[in-house]
């Protein structure tokens, strides 16, 4: 894990078409969805993507590779 000075909780991503890195800060509910490990994790991921899209206009699925998840300012590999 490495310290992320710019974001407390969220995702770091790479845009698939351009290779440009980006960050998406997540609110508490989105963070809860991002860390779901239950049998409904695919549904949680879809809800997360919809929420981020509604809030930011960025749609993650199919457009971005998720590189890391940041929790309490610490980055770790997403998968």
C-alpha atoms as a PDB file:
ATOM      1  CA  UNK A   1       0.000   0.000   0.000  1.00  0.00           C
ATOM      2  CA  UNK A   2       1.135   3.481  -0.728  1.00  0.00           C
ATOM      3  CA  UNK A   3       0.000   6.821   0.616  1.00  0.00           C
ATOM      4  CA  UNK A   4      -2.221   8.902  -1.674  1.00  0.00           C
ATOM      5  CA  UNK A   5      -1.836  12.560  -0.731  1.00  0.00           C
ATOM      6  CA  UNK A   6      -4.537  13.818  -3.126  1.00  0.00           C
ATOM      7  CA  UNK A   7      -7.507  11.653  -2.202  1.00  0.00           C
ATOM      8  CA  UNK A   8      -8.915  10.084   0.953  1.00  0.00           C
ATOM      9  CA  UNK A   9     -11.156   7.519  -0.749  1.00  0.00           C
ATOM     10  CA  UNK A  10     -11.714   6.732  -4.383  1.00  0.00           C
ATOM     11  CA  UNK A  11     -10.364   5.049  -7.483  1.00  0.00           C
ATOM     12  CA  UNK A  12      -7.370   5.707  -9.701  1.00  0.00           C
ATOM     13  CA  UNK A  13      -7.994   4.734 -13.297  1.00  0.00           C
ATOM     14  CA  UNK A  14      -6.514   4.686 -16.777  1.00  0.00           C
ATOM     15  CA  UNK A  15      -8.668   5.640 -19.756  1.00  0.00           C
ATOM     16  CA  UNK A  16      -8.595   2.683 -22.149  1.00  0.00           C
ATOM     17  CA  UNK A  17      -8.601   4.674 -25.405  1.00  0.00           C
ATOM     18  CA  UNK A  18      -6.091   7.367 -24.459  1.00  0.00           C
ATOM     19  CA  UNK A  19      -3.996   5.867 -21.646  1.00  0.00           C
ATOM     20  CA  UNK A  20      -4.573   9.016 -19.581  1.00  0.00           C
ATOM     21  CA  UNK A  21      -4.647   8.509 -15.806  1.00  0.00           C
ATOM     22  CA  UNK A  22      -7.486   9.929 -13.743  1.00  0.00           C
ATOM     23  CA  UNK A  23      -8.895   9.828 -10.216  1.00  0.00           C
ATOM     24  CA  UNK A  24     -12.474   9.619  -9.013  1.00  0.00           C
ATOM     25  CA  UNK A  25     -13.118  10.472  -5.372  1.00  0.00           C
ATOM     26  CA  UNK A  26     -15.939   8.296  -4.006  1.00  0.00           C
ATOM     27  CA  UNK A  27     -18.589   9.216  -1.482  1.00  0.00           C
ATOM     28  CA  UNK A  28     -19.322   6.890   1.430  1.00  0.00           C
ATOM     29  CA  UNK A  29     -22.018   4.848  -0.339  1.00  0.00           C
ATOM     30  CA  UNK A  30     -19.908   4.462  -3.493  1.00  0.00           C
ATOM     31  CA  UNK A  31     -16.973   3.310  -1.382  1.00  0.00           C
ATOM     32  CA  UNK A  32     -19.220   0.736   0.261  1.00  0.00           C
ATOM     33  CA  UNK A  33     -20.262  -0.525  -3.183  1.00  0.00           C
ATOM     34  CA  UNK A  34     -16.641  -0.600  -4.404  1.00  0.00           C
ATOM     35  CA  UNK A  35     -15.566  -2.797  -1.512  1.00  0.00           C
ATOM     36  CA  UNK A  36     -18.504  -5.240  -1.644  1.00  0.00           C
ATOM     37  CA  UNK A  37     -17.242  -8.826  -1.592  1.00  0.00           C
ATOM     38  CA  UNK A  38     -20.642 -10.523  -1.281  1.00  0.00           C
ATOM     39  CA  UNK A  39     -22.402 -12.632  -3.907  1.00  0.00           C
ATOM     40  CA  UNK A  40     -23.976  -9.428  -5.258  1.00  0.00           C
ATOM     41  CA  UNK A  41     -20.657  -7.711  -6.030  1.00  0.00           C
ATOM     42  CA  UNK A  42     -21.466  -7.418  -9.758  1.00  0.00           C
ATOM     43  CA  UNK A  43     -24.702  -5.608  -8.968  1.00  0.00           C
ATOM     44  CA  UNK A  44     -22.833  -3.378  -6.515  1.00  0.00           C
ATOM     45  CA  UNK A  45     -20.268  -2.545  -9.198  1.00  0.00           C
ATOM     46  CA  UNK A  46     -23.044  -1.581 -11.651  1.00  0.00           C
ATOM     47  CA  UNK A  47     -24.672   0.639  -9.011  1.00  0.00           C
ATOM     48  CA  UNK A  48     -21.288   2.263  -8.320  1.00  0.00           C
ATOM     49  CA  UNK A  49     -20.728   2.962 -12.027  1.00  0.00           C
ATOM     50  CA  UNK A  50     -24.226   4.448 -12.365  1.00  0.00           C
ATOM     51  CA  UNK A  51     -23.724   6.633  -9.285  1.00  0.00           C
ATOM     52  CA  UNK A  52     -20.340   7.927 -10.448  1.00  0.00           C
ATOM     53  CA  UNK A  53     -21.799   8.642 -13.900  1.00  0.00           C
ATOM     54  CA  UNK A  54     -24.749  10.559 -12.445  1.00  0.00           C
ATOM     55  CA  UNK A  55     -22.418  12.586 -10.231  1.00  0.00           C
ATOM     56  CA  UNK A  56     -19.475  13.188 -12.595  1.00  0.00           C
ATOM     57  CA  UNK A  57     -20.456  12.257 -16.155  1.00  0.00           C
ATOM     58  CA  UNK A  58     -17.681   9.630 -16.224  1.00  0.00           C
ATOM     59  CA  UNK A  59     -18.752   6.066 -16.971  1.00  0.00           C
ATOM     60  CA  UNK A  60     -16.146   3.605 -15.708  1.00  0.00           C
ATOM     61  CA  UNK A  61     -17.299   0.297 -17.253  1.00  0.00           C
ATOM     62  CA  UNK A  62     -15.868  -0.193 -20.724  1.00  0.00           C
ATOM     63  CA  UNK A  63     -13.996   3.114 -20.663  1.00  0.00           C
ATOM     64  CA  UNK A  64     -11.501   2.847 -17.812  1.00  0.00           C
ATOM     65  CA  UNK A  65      -9.190   0.316 -16.260  1.00  0.00           C
ATOM     66  CA  UNK A  66      -9.329   0.611 -12.473  1.00  0.00           C
ATOM     67  CA  UNK A  67      -5.755   0.589 -11.179  1.00  0.00           C
ATOM     68  CA  UNK A  68      -6.050   1.170  -7.449  1.00  0.00           C
ATOM     69  CA  UNK A  69      -8.604   1.776  -4.745  1.00  0.00           C
ATOM     70  CA  UNK A  70      -7.820   4.427  -2.135  1.00  0.00           C
ATOM     71  CA  UNK A  71      -9.135   4.001   1.396  1.00  0.00           C
ATOM     72  CA  UNK A  72      -8.177   6.275   4.292  1.00  0.00           C
ATOM     73  CA  UNK A  73      -5.574   7.831   1.992  1.00  0.00           C
ATOM     74  CA  UNK A  74      -3.859   4.484   1.277  1.00  0.00           C
ATOM     75  CA  UNK A  75      -3.741   3.092  -2.283  1.00  0.00           C
ATOM     76  CA  UNK A  76      -3.779  -0.615  -2.997  1.00  0.00           C
ATOM     77  CA  UNK A  77      -4.221  -2.670  -6.152  1.00  0.00           C
ATOM     78  CA  UNK A  78      -7.875  -2.943  -7.066  1.00  0.00           C
ATOM     79  CA  UNK A  79      -7.867  -6.651  -7.965  1.00  0.00           C
END
